[in-house]
PDB file of N, CA and C in Angstrom:
ATOM      1  N   ILE A   1       1.939   4.968 -12.847  1.00  0.00           N
ATOM      2  CA  ILE A   1       1.670   5.447 -11.501  1.00  0.00           C
ATOM      3  C   ILE A   1       2.914   5.304 -10.620  1.00  0.00           C
ATOM      4  N   ASN A   2       3.667   4.227 -10.816  1.00  0.00           N
ATOM      5  CA  ASN A   2       4.869   4.039 -10.006  1.00  0.00           C
ATOM      6  C   ASN A   2       5.895   5.140 -10.257  1.00  0.00           C
ATOM      7  N   PHE A   3       6.021   5.543 -11.521  1.00  0.00           N
ATOM      8  CA  PHE A   3       6.961   6.615 -11.852  1.00  0.00           C
ATOM      9  C   PHE A   3       6.568   7.908 -11.142  1.00  0.00           C
ATOM     10  N   ARG A   4       5.301   8.243 -11.216  1.00  0.00           N
ATOM     11  CA  ARG A   4       4.821   9.490 -10.600  1.00  0.00           C
ATOM     12  C   ARG A   4       4.978   9.444  -9.084  1.00  0.00           C
ATOM     13  N   LEU A   5       4.683   8.306  -8.492  1.00  0.00           N
ATOM     14  CA  LEU A   5       4.826   8.155  -7.050  1.00  0.00           C
ATOM     15  C   LEU A   5       6.293   8.258  -6.634  1.00  0.00           C
ATOM     16  N   ARG A   6       7.189   7.659  -7.419  1.00  0.00           N
ATOM     17  CA  ARG A   6       8.630   7.740  -7.140  1.00  0.00           C
ATOM     18  C   ARG A   6       9.106   9.194  -7.271  1.00  0.00           C
ATOM     19  N   PHE A   7       8.586   9.900  -8.260  1.00  0.00           N
ATOM     20  CA  PHE A   7       8.927  11.310  -8.438  1.00  0.00           C
ATOM     21  C   PHE A   7       8.505  12.108  -7.205  1.00  0.00           C
ATOM     22  N   PHE A   8       7.302  11.858  -6.722  1.00  0.00           N
ATOM     23  CA  PHE A   8       6.806  12.531  -5.520  1.00  0.00           C
ATOM     24  C   PHE A   8       7.701  12.214  -4.320  1.00  0.00           C
ATOM     25  N   GLN A   9       8.105  10.956  -4.169  1.00  0.00           N
ATOM     26  CA  GLN A   9       8.995  10.559  -3.079  1.00  0.00           C
ATOM     27  C   GLN A   9      10.303  11.348  -3.127  1.00  0.00           C
ATOM     28  N   GLU A  10      10.895  11.407  -4.299  1.00  0.00           N
ATOM     29  CA  GLU A  10      12.176  12.096  -4.445  1.00  0.00           C
ATOM     30  C   GLU A  10      12.043  13.591  -4.170  1.00  0.00           C
ATOM     31  N   GLN A  11      10.951  14.185  -4.610  1.00  0.00           N
ATOM     32  CA  GLN A  11      10.706  15.601  -4.332  1.00  0.00           C
ATOM     33  C   GLN A  11      10.568  15.830  -2.831  1.00  0.00           C
ATOM     34  N   LEU A  12       9.788  15.002  -2.180  1.00  0.00           N
ATOM     35  CA  LEU A  12       9.589  15.124  -0.741  1.00  0.00           C
ATOM     36  C   LEU A  12      10.901  14.932   0.004  1.00  0.00           C
ATOM     37  N   LYS A  13      11.661  13.948  -0.417  1.00  0.00           N
ATOM     38  CA  LYS A  13      12.951  13.659   0.222  1.00  0.00           C
ATOM     39  C   LYS A  13      13.899  14.851   0.118  1.00  0.00           C
ATOM     40  N   SER A  14      13.929  15.499  -1.035  1.00  0.00           N
ATOM     41  CA  SER A  14      14.839  16.634  -1.220  1.00  0.00           C
ATOM     42  C   SER A  14      14.342  17.897  -0.513  1.00  0.00           C
ATOM     43  N   LEU A  15      13.032  18.028  -0.337  1.00  0.00           N
ATOM     44  CA  LEU A  15      12.489  19.230   0.292  1.00  0.00           C
ATOM     45  C   LEU A  15      12.392  19.125   1.811  1.00  0.00           C
ATOM     46  N   ASP A  16      12.036  17.950   2.297  1.00  0.00           N
ATOM     47  CA  ASP A  16      11.802  17.787   3.740  1.00  0.00           C
ATOM     48  C   ASP A  16      12.101  16.344   4.144  1.00  0.00           C
ATOM     49  N   LEU A  17      13.342  16.082   4.492  1.00  0.00           N
ATOM     50  CA  LEU A  17      13.783  14.723   4.814  1.00  0.00           C
ATOM     51  C   LEU A  17      13.046  14.150   6.024  1.00  0.00           C
ATOM     52  N   LYS A  18      12.776  14.985   7.023  1.00  0.00           N
ATOM     53  CA  LYS A  18      12.065  14.493   8.222  1.00  0.00           C
ATOM     54  C   LYS A  18      10.651  14.026   7.868  1.00  0.00           C
ATOM     55  N   MET A  19       9.971  14.784   7.024  1.00  0.00           N
ATOM     56  CA  MET A  19       8.627  14.380   6.596  1.00  0.00           C
ATOM     57  C   MET A  19       8.695  13.103   5.760  1.00  0.00           C
ATOM     58  N   PHE A  20       9.681  13.020   4.882  1.00  0.00           N
ATOM     59  CA  PHE A  20       9.859  11.828   4.055  1.00  0.00           C
ATOM     60  C   PHE A  20      10.024  10.582   4.924  1.00  0.00           C
ATOM     61  N   GLU A  21      10.786  10.687   5.999  1.00  0.00           N
ATOM     62  CA  GLU A  21      11.026   9.543   6.882  1.00  0.00           C
ATOM     63  C   GLU A  21       9.781   9.131   7.646  1.00  0.00           C
ATOM     64  N   ARG A  22       8.797  10.022   7.751  1.00  0.00           N
ATOM     65  CA  ARG A  22       7.550   9.693   8.440  1.00  0.00           C
ATOM     66  C   ARG A  22       6.487   9.146   7.487  1.00  0.00           C
ATOM     67  N   CYS A  23       6.883   8.906   6.235  1.00  0.00           N
ATOM     68  CA  CYS A  23       5.960   8.399   5.215  1.00  0.00           C
ATOM     69  C   CYS A  23       6.409   7.031   4.728  1.00  0.00           C
ATOM     70  N   HIS A  24       5.451   6.251   4.247  1.00  0.00           N
ATOM     71  CA  HIS A  24       5.769   4.982   3.586  1.00  0.00           C
ATOM     72  C   HIS A  24       4.975   4.915   2.290  1.00  0.00           C
ATOM     73  N   PHE A  25       5.645   4.460   1.249  1.00  0.00           N
ATOM     74  CA  PHE A  25       5.028   4.402  -0.079  1.00  0.00           C
ATOM     75  C   PHE A  25       4.995   2.961  -0.571  1.00  0.00           C
ATOM     76  N   PHE A  26       3.806   2.455  -0.847  1.00  0.00           N
ATOM     77  CA  PHE A  26       3.677   1.157  -1.503  1.00  0.00           C
ATOM     78  C   PHE A  26       3.656   1.388  -3.005  1.00  0.00           C
ATOM     79  N   ASP A  27       4.010   0.359  -3.777  1.00  0.00           N
ATOM     80  CA  ASP A  27       3.935   0.496  -5.232  1.00  0.00           C
ATOM     81  C   ASP A  27       2.661  -0.169  -5.744  1.00  0.00           C
ATOM     82  N   SER A  28       2.434  -0.073  -7.029  1.00  0.00           N
ATOM     83  CA  SER A  28       1.192  -0.588  -7.613  1.00  0.00           C
ATOM     84  C   SER A  28       1.106  -2.111  -7.546  1.00  0.00           C
ATOM     85  N   VAL A  29       2.230  -2.797  -7.513  1.00  0.00           N
ATOM     86  CA  VAL A  29       2.207  -4.268  -7.427  1.00  0.00           C
ATOM     87  C   VAL A  29       1.566  -4.697  -6.113  1.00  0.00           C
ATOM     88  N   PHE A  30       1.929  -4.027  -5.024  1.00  0.00           N
ATOM     89  CA  PHE A  30       1.342  -4.339  -3.720  1.00  0.00           C
ATOM     90  C   PHE A  30      -0.175  -4.202  -3.760  1.00  0.00           C
ATOM     91  N   SER A  31      -0.654  -3.067  -4.266  1.00  0.00           N
ATOM     92  CA  SER A  31      -2.100  -2.842  -4.259  1.00  0.00           C
ATOM     93  C   SER A  31      -2.825  -3.796  -5.209  1.00  0.00           C
ATOM     94  N   MET A  32      -2.206  -4.117  -6.346  1.00  0.00           N
ATOM     95  CA  MET A  32      -2.861  -5.049  -7.272  1.00  0.00           C
ATOM     96  C   MET A  32      -2.962  -6.447  -6.651  1.00  0.00           C
ATOM     97  N   MET A  33      -1.931  -6.853  -5.927  1.00  0.00           N
ATOM     98  CA  MET A  33      -1.995  -8.156  -5.254  1.00  0.00           C
ATOM     99  C   MET A  33      -3.039  -8.135  -4.139  1.00  0.00           C
ATOM    100  N   LEU A  34      -3.124  -7.024  -3.426  1.00  0.00           N
ATOM    101  CA  LEU A  34      -4.142  -6.895  -2.383  1.00  0.00           C
ATOM    102  C   LEU A  34      -5.537  -6.979  -2.992  1.00  0.00           C
ATOM    103  N   MET A  35      -5.741  -6.297  -4.106  1.00  0.00           N
ATOM    104  CA  MET A  35      -7.056  -6.314  -4.753  1.00  0.00           C
ATOM    105  C   MET A  35      -7.432  -7.703  -5.273  1.00  0.00           C
ATOM    106  N   GLN A  36      -6.438  -8.516  -5.620  1.00  0.00           N
ATOM    107  CA  GLN A  36      -6.716  -9.883  -6.057  1.00  0.00           C
ATOM    108  C   GLN A  36      -7.394 -10.688  -4.952  1.00  0.00           C
ATOM    109  N   THR A  37      -7.131 -10.323  -3.702  1.00  0.00           N
ATOM    110  CA  THR A  37      -7.762 -11.040  -2.587  1.00  0.00           C
ATOM    111  C   THR A  37      -9.218 -10.635  -2.403  1.00  0.00           C
ATOM    112  N   MET A  38      -9.665  -9.622  -3.125  1.00  0.00           N
ATOM    113  CA  MET A  38     -11.027  -9.111  -2.958  1.00  0.00           C
ATOM    114  C   MET A  38     -11.874  -9.267  -4.203  1.00  0.00           C
ATOM    115  N   ARG A  39     -11.515 -10.208  -5.054  1.00  0.00           N
ATOM    116  CA  ARG A  39     -12.291 -10.410  -6.288  1.00  0.00           C
ATOM    117  C   ARG A  39     -13.729 -10.799  -5.956  1.00  0.00           C
ATOM    118  N   THR A  40     -14.662 -10.255  -6.692  1.00  0.00           N
ATOM    119  CA  THR A  40     -16.080 -10.473  -6.390  1.00  0.00           C
ATOM    120  C   THR A  40     -16.561 -11.864  -6.772  1.00  0.00           C
ATOM    121  N   GLU A  41     -15.884 -12.533  -7.719  1.00  0.00           N
ATOM    122  CA  GLU A  41     -16.361 -13.863  -8.109  1.00  0.00           C
ATOM    123  C   GLU A  41     -16.012 -14.923  -7.062  1.00  0.00           C
ATOM    124  N   MET A  42     -15.252 -14.551  -6.062  1.00  0.00           N
ATOM    125  CA  MET A  42     -14.905 -15.485  -4.991  1.00  0.00           C
ATOM    126  C   MET A  42     -15.971 -15.414  -3.901  1.00  0.00           C
ATOM    127  N   SER A  43     -16.151 -16.512  -3.207  1.00  0.00           N
ATOM    128  CA  SER A  43     -17.072 -16.493  -2.068  1.00  0.00           C
ATOM    129  C   SER A  43     -16.410 -15.732  -0.924  1.00  0.00           C
ATOM    130  N   ALA A  44     -17.189 -15.352   0.061  1.00  0.00           N
ATOM    131  CA  ALA A  44     -16.654 -14.614   1.206  1.00  0.00           C
ATOM    132  C   ALA A  44     -15.583 -15.438   1.919  1.00  0.00           C
ATOM    133  N   LYS A  45     -15.798 -16.728   2.003  1.00  0.00           N
ATOM    134  CA  LYS A  45     -14.835 -17.609   2.668  1.00  0.00           C
ATOM    135  C   LYS A  45     -13.516 -17.668   1.880  1.00  0.00           C
ATOM    136  N   GLU A  46     -13.615 -17.734   0.549  1.00  0.00           N
ATOM    137  CA  GLU A  46     -12.419 -17.756  -0.299  1.00  0.00           C
ATOM    138  C   GLU A  46     -11.658 -16.433  -0.212  1.00  0.00           C
ATOM    139  N   ARG A  47     -12.421 -15.326  -0.192  1.00  0.00           N
ATOM    140  CA  ARG A  47     -11.776 -14.014  -0.072  1.00  0.00           C
ATOM    141  C   ARG A  47     -11.039 -13.887   1.259  1.00  0.00           C
ATOM    142  N   GLU A  48     -11.656 -14.342   2.324  1.00  0.00           N
ATOM    143  CA  GLU A  48     -11.030 -14.278   3.649  1.00  0.00           C
ATOM    144  C   GLU A  48      -9.751 -15.110   3.678  1.00  0.00           C
ATOM    145  N   ALA A  49      -9.790 -16.301   3.095  1.00  0.00           N
ATOM    146  CA  ALA A  49      -8.598 -17.156   3.051  1.00  0.00           C
ATOM    147  C   ALA A  49      -7.497 -16.511   2.214  1.00  0.00           C
ATOM    148  N   ALA A  50      -7.846 -15.933   1.075  1.00  0.00           N
ATOM    149  CA  ALA A  50      -6.859 -15.277   0.215  1.00  0.00           C
ATOM    150  C   ALA A  50      -6.253 -14.070   0.921  1.00  0.00           C
ATOM    151  N   TYR A  51      -7.090 -13.314   1.628  1.00  0.00           N
ATOM    152  CA  TYR A  51      -6.602 -12.148   2.357  1.00  0.00           C
ATOM    153  C   TYR A  51      -5.644 -12.562   3.464  1.00  0.00           C
ATOM    154  N   GLN A  52      -6.016 -13.583   4.218  1.00  0.00           N
ATOM    155  CA  GLN A  52      -5.151 -14.055   5.307  1.00  0.00           C
ATOM    156  C   GLN A  52      -3.814 -14.563   4.773  1.00  0.00           C
ATOM    157  N   GLU A  53      -3.850 -15.224   3.625  1.00  0.00           N
ATOM    158  CA  GLU A  53      -2.614 -15.713   3.005  1.00  0.00           C
ATOM    159  C   GLU A  53      -1.743 -14.545   2.535  1.00  0.00           C
ATOM    160  N   PHE A  54      -2.378 -13.499   2.057  1.00  0.00           N
ATOM    161  CA  PHE A  54      -1.651 -12.313   1.596  1.00  0.00           C
ATOM    162  C   PHE A  54      -1.013 -11.583   2.780  1.00  0.00           C
ATOM    163  N   ILE A  55      -1.745 -11.450   3.874  1.00  0.00           N
ATOM    164  CA  ILE A  55      -1.280 -10.664   5.010  1.00  0.00           C
ATOM    165  C   ILE A  55      -0.268 -11.424   5.869  1.00  0.00           C
ATOM    166  N   ALA A  56      -0.635 -12.577   6.378  1.00  0.00           N
ATOM    167  CA  ALA A  56       0.205 -13.247   7.382  1.00  0.00           C
ATOM    168  C   ALA A  56       1.544 -13.751   6.835  1.00  0.00           C
ATOM    169  N   PRO A  57       1.572 -14.829   6.063  1.00  0.00           N
ATOM    170  CA  PRO A  57       2.882 -15.330   5.637  1.00  0.00           C
ATOM    171  C   PRO A  57       3.304 -14.792   4.275  1.00  0.00           C
ATOM    172  N   GLY A  58       2.441 -14.052   3.637  1.00  0.00           N
ATOM    173  CA  GLY A  58       2.662 -13.731   2.234  1.00  0.00           C
ATOM    174  C   GLY A  58       3.340 -12.411   1.945  1.00  0.00           C
ATOM    175  N   PRO A  59       3.015 -11.850   0.779  1.00  0.00           N
ATOM    176  CA  PRO A  59       3.683 -10.654   0.257  1.00  0.00           C
ATOM    177  C   PRO A  59       3.615  -9.447   1.186  1.00  0.00           C
ATOM    178  N   ALA A  60       2.502  -9.241   1.865  1.00  0.00           N
ATOM    179  CA  ALA A  60       2.389  -8.059   2.719  1.00  0.00           C
ATOM    180  C   ALA A  60       3.435  -8.091   3.823  1.00  0.00           C
ATOM    181  N   LYS A  61       3.664  -9.250   4.368  1.00  0.00           N
ATOM    182  CA  LYS A  61       4.670  -9.362   5.433  1.00  0.00           C
ATOM    183  C   LYS A  61       6.065  -9.091   4.887  1.00  0.00           C
ATOM    184  N   ARG A  62       6.354  -9.572   3.692  1.00  0.00           N
ATOM    185  CA  ARG A  62       7.675  -9.321   3.098  1.00  0.00           C
ATOM    186  C   ARG A  62       7.868  -7.848   2.765  1.00  0.00           C
ATOM    187  N   TRP A  63       6.816  -7.181   2.280  1.00  0.00           N
ATOM    188  CA  TRP A  63       6.922  -5.778   1.913  1.00  0.00           C
ATOM    189  C   TRP A  63       7.091  -4.873   3.130  1.00  0.00           C
ATOM    190  N   THR A  64       6.622  -5.314   4.269  1.00  0.00           N
ATOM    191  CA  THR A  64       6.670  -4.469   5.462  1.00  0.00           C
ATOM    192  C   THR A  64       7.625  -5.013   6.524  1.00  0.00           C
ATOM    193  N   LYS A  65       8.476  -5.951   6.143  1.00  0.00           N
ATOM    194  CA  LYS A  65       9.373  -6.605   7.101  1.00  0.00           C
ATOM    195  C   LYS A  65      10.245  -5.609   7.861  1.00  0.00           C
ATOM    196  N   HIS A  66      10.740  -4.593   7.197  1.00  0.00           N
ATOM    197  CA  HIS A  66      11.659  -3.644   7.817  1.00  0.00           C
ATOM    198  C   HIS A  66      11.000  -2.301   8.122  1.00  0.00           C
ATOM    199  N   VAL A  67       9.669  -2.281   8.120  1.00  0.00           N
ATOM    200  CA  VAL A  67       8.947  -1.022   8.308  1.00  0.00           C
ATOM    201  C   VAL A  67       7.890  -1.185   9.386  1.00  0.00           C
ATOM    202  N   ASP A  68       7.870  -0.265  10.340  1.00  0.00           N
ATOM    203  CA  ASP A  68       6.795  -0.223  11.323  1.00  0.00           C
ATOM    204  C   ASP A  68       5.754   0.766  10.813  1.00  0.00           C
ATOM    205  N   LEU A  69       4.729   0.240  10.162  1.00  0.00           N
ATOM    206  CA  LEU A  69       3.730   1.107   9.541  1.00  0.00           C
ATOM    207  C   LEU A  69       2.996   1.973  10.554  1.00  0.00           C
ATOM    208  N   PHE A  70       2.851   1.485  11.779  1.00  0.00           N
ATOM    209  CA  PHE A  70       2.104   2.236  12.781  1.00  0.00           C
ATOM    210  C   PHE A  70       2.902   3.398  13.368  1.00  0.00           C
ATOM    211  N   SER A  71       4.183   3.465  13.054  1.00  0.00           N
ATOM    212  CA  SER A  71       4.991   4.608  13.490  1.00  0.00           C
ATOM    213  C   SER A  71       5.024   5.707  12.429  1.00  0.00           C
ATOM    214  N   LYS A  72       4.498   5.427  11.264  1.00  0.00           N
ATOM    215  CA  LYS A  72       4.491   6.409  10.167  1.00  0.00           C
ATOM    216  C   LYS A  72       3.304   7.356  10.320  1.00  0.00           C
ATOM    217  N   ASP A  73       3.465   8.552   9.803  1.00  0.00           N
ATOM    218  CA  ASP A  73       2.357   9.515   9.804  1.00  0.00           C
ATOM    219  C   ASP A  73       1.460   9.351   8.586  1.00  0.00           C
ATOM    220  N   TYR A  74       2.077   8.939   7.462  1.00  0.00           N
ATOM    221  CA  TYR A  74       1.315   8.796   6.217  1.00  0.00           C
ATOM    222  C   TYR A  74       1.759   7.553   5.468  1.00  0.00           C
ATOM    223  N   ILE A  75       0.789   6.822   4.949  1.00  0.00           N
ATOM    224  CA  ILE A  75       1.058   5.658   4.105  1.00  0.00           C
ATOM    225  C   ILE A  75       0.331   5.897   2.781  1.00  0.00           C
ATOM    226  N   PHE A  76       1.078   5.805   1.699  1.00  0.00           N
ATOM    227  CA  PHE A  76       0.527   6.049   0.362  1.00  0.00           C
ATOM    228  C   PHE A  76       0.367   4.723  -0.372  1.00  0.00           C
ATOM    229  N   VAL A  77      -0.848   4.473  -0.869  1.00  0.00           N
ATOM    230  CA  VAL A  77      -1.145   3.223  -1.567  1.00  0.00           C
ATOM    231  C   VAL A  77      -1.851   3.543  -2.884  1.00  0.00           C
ATOM    232  N   PRO A  78      -1.204   3.280  -4.023  1.00  0.00           N
ATOM    233  CA  PRO A  78      -1.888   3.480  -5.303  1.00  0.00           C
ATOM    234  C   PRO A  78      -2.938   2.386  -5.497  1.00  0.00           C
ATOM    235  N   LEU A  79      -4.107   2.758  -5.983  1.00  0.00           N
ATOM    236  CA  LEU A  79      -5.205   1.807  -6.171  1.00  0.00           C
ATOM    237  C   LEU A  79      -5.730   1.878  -7.596  1.00  0.00           C
ATOM    238  N   HIS A  80      -5.991   0.716  -8.159  1.00  0.00           N
ATOM    239  CA  HIS A  80      -6.622   0.641  -9.476  1.00  0.00           C
ATOM    240  C   HIS A  80      -7.860  -0.228  -9.312  1.00  0.00           C
ATOM    241  N   LEU A  81      -9.018   0.393  -9.337  1.00  0.00           N
ATOM    242  CA  LEU A  81     -10.269  -0.307  -9.086  1.00  0.00           C
ATOM    243  C   LEU A  81     -10.999  -0.581 -10.387  1.00  0.00           C
ATOM    244  N   GLU A  82     -11.077  -1.884 -10.716  1.00  0.00           N
ATOM    245  CA  GLU A  82     -11.794  -2.325 -11.910  1.00  0.00           C
ATOM    246  C   GLU A  82     -11.309  -1.574 -13.154  1.00  0.00           C
ATOM    247  N   ASP A  83     -12.230  -0.927 -13.874  1.00  0.00           N
ATOM    248  CA  ASP A  83     -11.874  -0.235 -15.115  1.00  0.00           C
ATOM    249  C   ASP A  83     -11.679   1.266 -14.916  1.00  0.00           C
ATOM    250  N   GLN A  84     -11.516   1.676 -13.682  1.00  0.00           N
ATOM    251  CA  GLN A  84     -11.361   3.098 -13.405  1.00  0.00           C
ATOM    252  C   GLN A  84      -9.891   3.506 -13.490  1.00  0.00           C
ATOM    253  N   GLN A  85      -9.663   4.783 -13.399  1.00  0.00           N
ATOM    254  CA  GLN A  85      -8.300   5.292 -13.406  1.00  0.00           C
ATOM    255  C   GLN A  85      -7.638   5.005 -12.060  1.00  0.00           C
ATOM    256  N   TRP A  86      -6.338   5.245 -12.006  1.00  0.00           N
ATOM    257  CA  TRP A  86      -5.599   5.064 -10.762  1.00  0.00           C
ATOM    258  C   TRP A  86      -5.993   6.131  -9.754  1.00  0.00           C
ATOM    259  N   SER A  87      -6.020   5.735  -8.505  1.00  0.00           N
ATOM    260  CA  SER A  87      -6.264   6.649  -7.392  1.00  0.00           C
ATOM    261  C   SER A  87      -5.146   6.442  -6.380  1.00  0.00           C
ATOM    262  N   LEU A  88      -5.000   7.391  -5.489  1.00  0.00           N
ATOM    263  CA  LEU A  88      -3.995   7.271  -4.455  1.00  0.00           C
ATOM    264  C   LEU A  88      -4.681   7.372  -3.104  1.00  0.00           C
ATOM    265  N   ALA A  89      -4.601   6.284  -2.328  1.00  0.00           N
ATOM    266  CA  ALA A  89      -5.140   6.281  -0.969  1.00  0.00           C
ATOM    267  C   ALA A  89      -4.045   6.739  -0.026  1.00  0.00           C
ATOM    268  N   VAL A  90      -4.384   7.627   0.872  1.00  0.00           N
ATOM    269  CA  VAL A  90      -3.433   8.110   1.867  1.00  0.00           C
ATOM    270  C   VAL A  90      -4.006   7.776   3.238  1.00  0.00           C
ATOM    271  N   VAL A  91      -3.299   6.938   3.965  1.00  0.00           N
ATOM    272  CA  VAL A  91      -3.701   6.570   5.322  1.00  0.00           C
ATOM    273  C   VAL A  91      -2.968   7.518   6.254  1.00  0.00           C
ATOM    274  N   CYS A  92      -3.715   8.299   7.008  1.00  0.00           N
ATOM    275  CA  CYS A  92      -3.116   9.288   7.898  1.00  0.00           C
ATOM    276  C   CYS A  92      -3.048   8.754   9.319  1.00  0.00           C
ATOM    277  N   ARG A  93      -1.873   8.801   9.883  1.00  0.00           N
ATOM    278  CA  ARG A  93      -1.603   8.412  11.273  1.00  0.00           C
ATOM    279  C   ARG A  93      -2.246   7.091  11.656  1.00  0.00           C
ATOM    280  N   PRO A  94      -1.788   6.002  11.048  1.00  0.00           N
ATOM    281  CA  PRO A  94      -2.391   4.691  11.300  1.00  0.00           C
ATOM    282  C   PRO A  94      -2.215   4.202  12.719  1.00  0.00           C
ATOM    283  N   GLY A  95      -1.271   4.733  13.457  1.00  0.00           N
ATOM    284  CA  GLY A  95      -1.021   4.275  14.817  1.00  0.00           C
ATOM    285  C   GLY A  95      -1.896   4.885  15.877  1.00  0.00           C
ATOM    286  N   LEU A  96      -2.757   5.840  15.506  1.00  0.00           N
ATOM    287  CA  LEU A  96      -3.624   6.475  16.500  1.00  0.00           C
ATOM    288  C   LEU A  96      -4.861   5.683  16.771  1.00  0.00           C
TER     289      LEU A  96
END
């Protein structure tokens, strides 16, 4: 999935640089780590603590340190849910 997403990024960059600059692409590692915070065998309290650790001081902050996600028009997040195939979530205009 990362290869295909990178290919899409490069195509977009070569065709429309302004549109490319208004997009942000996460890789599969980000989404897999995010999904780890939502495991069903954890209690709601444990999930909340894991999520807060992921978002505030953890990996999410490092991945977005140099990016203002709310200024982007599109955010692409690859998702792998349980035993299903990969999907691509597209967040449109998160700053609105």
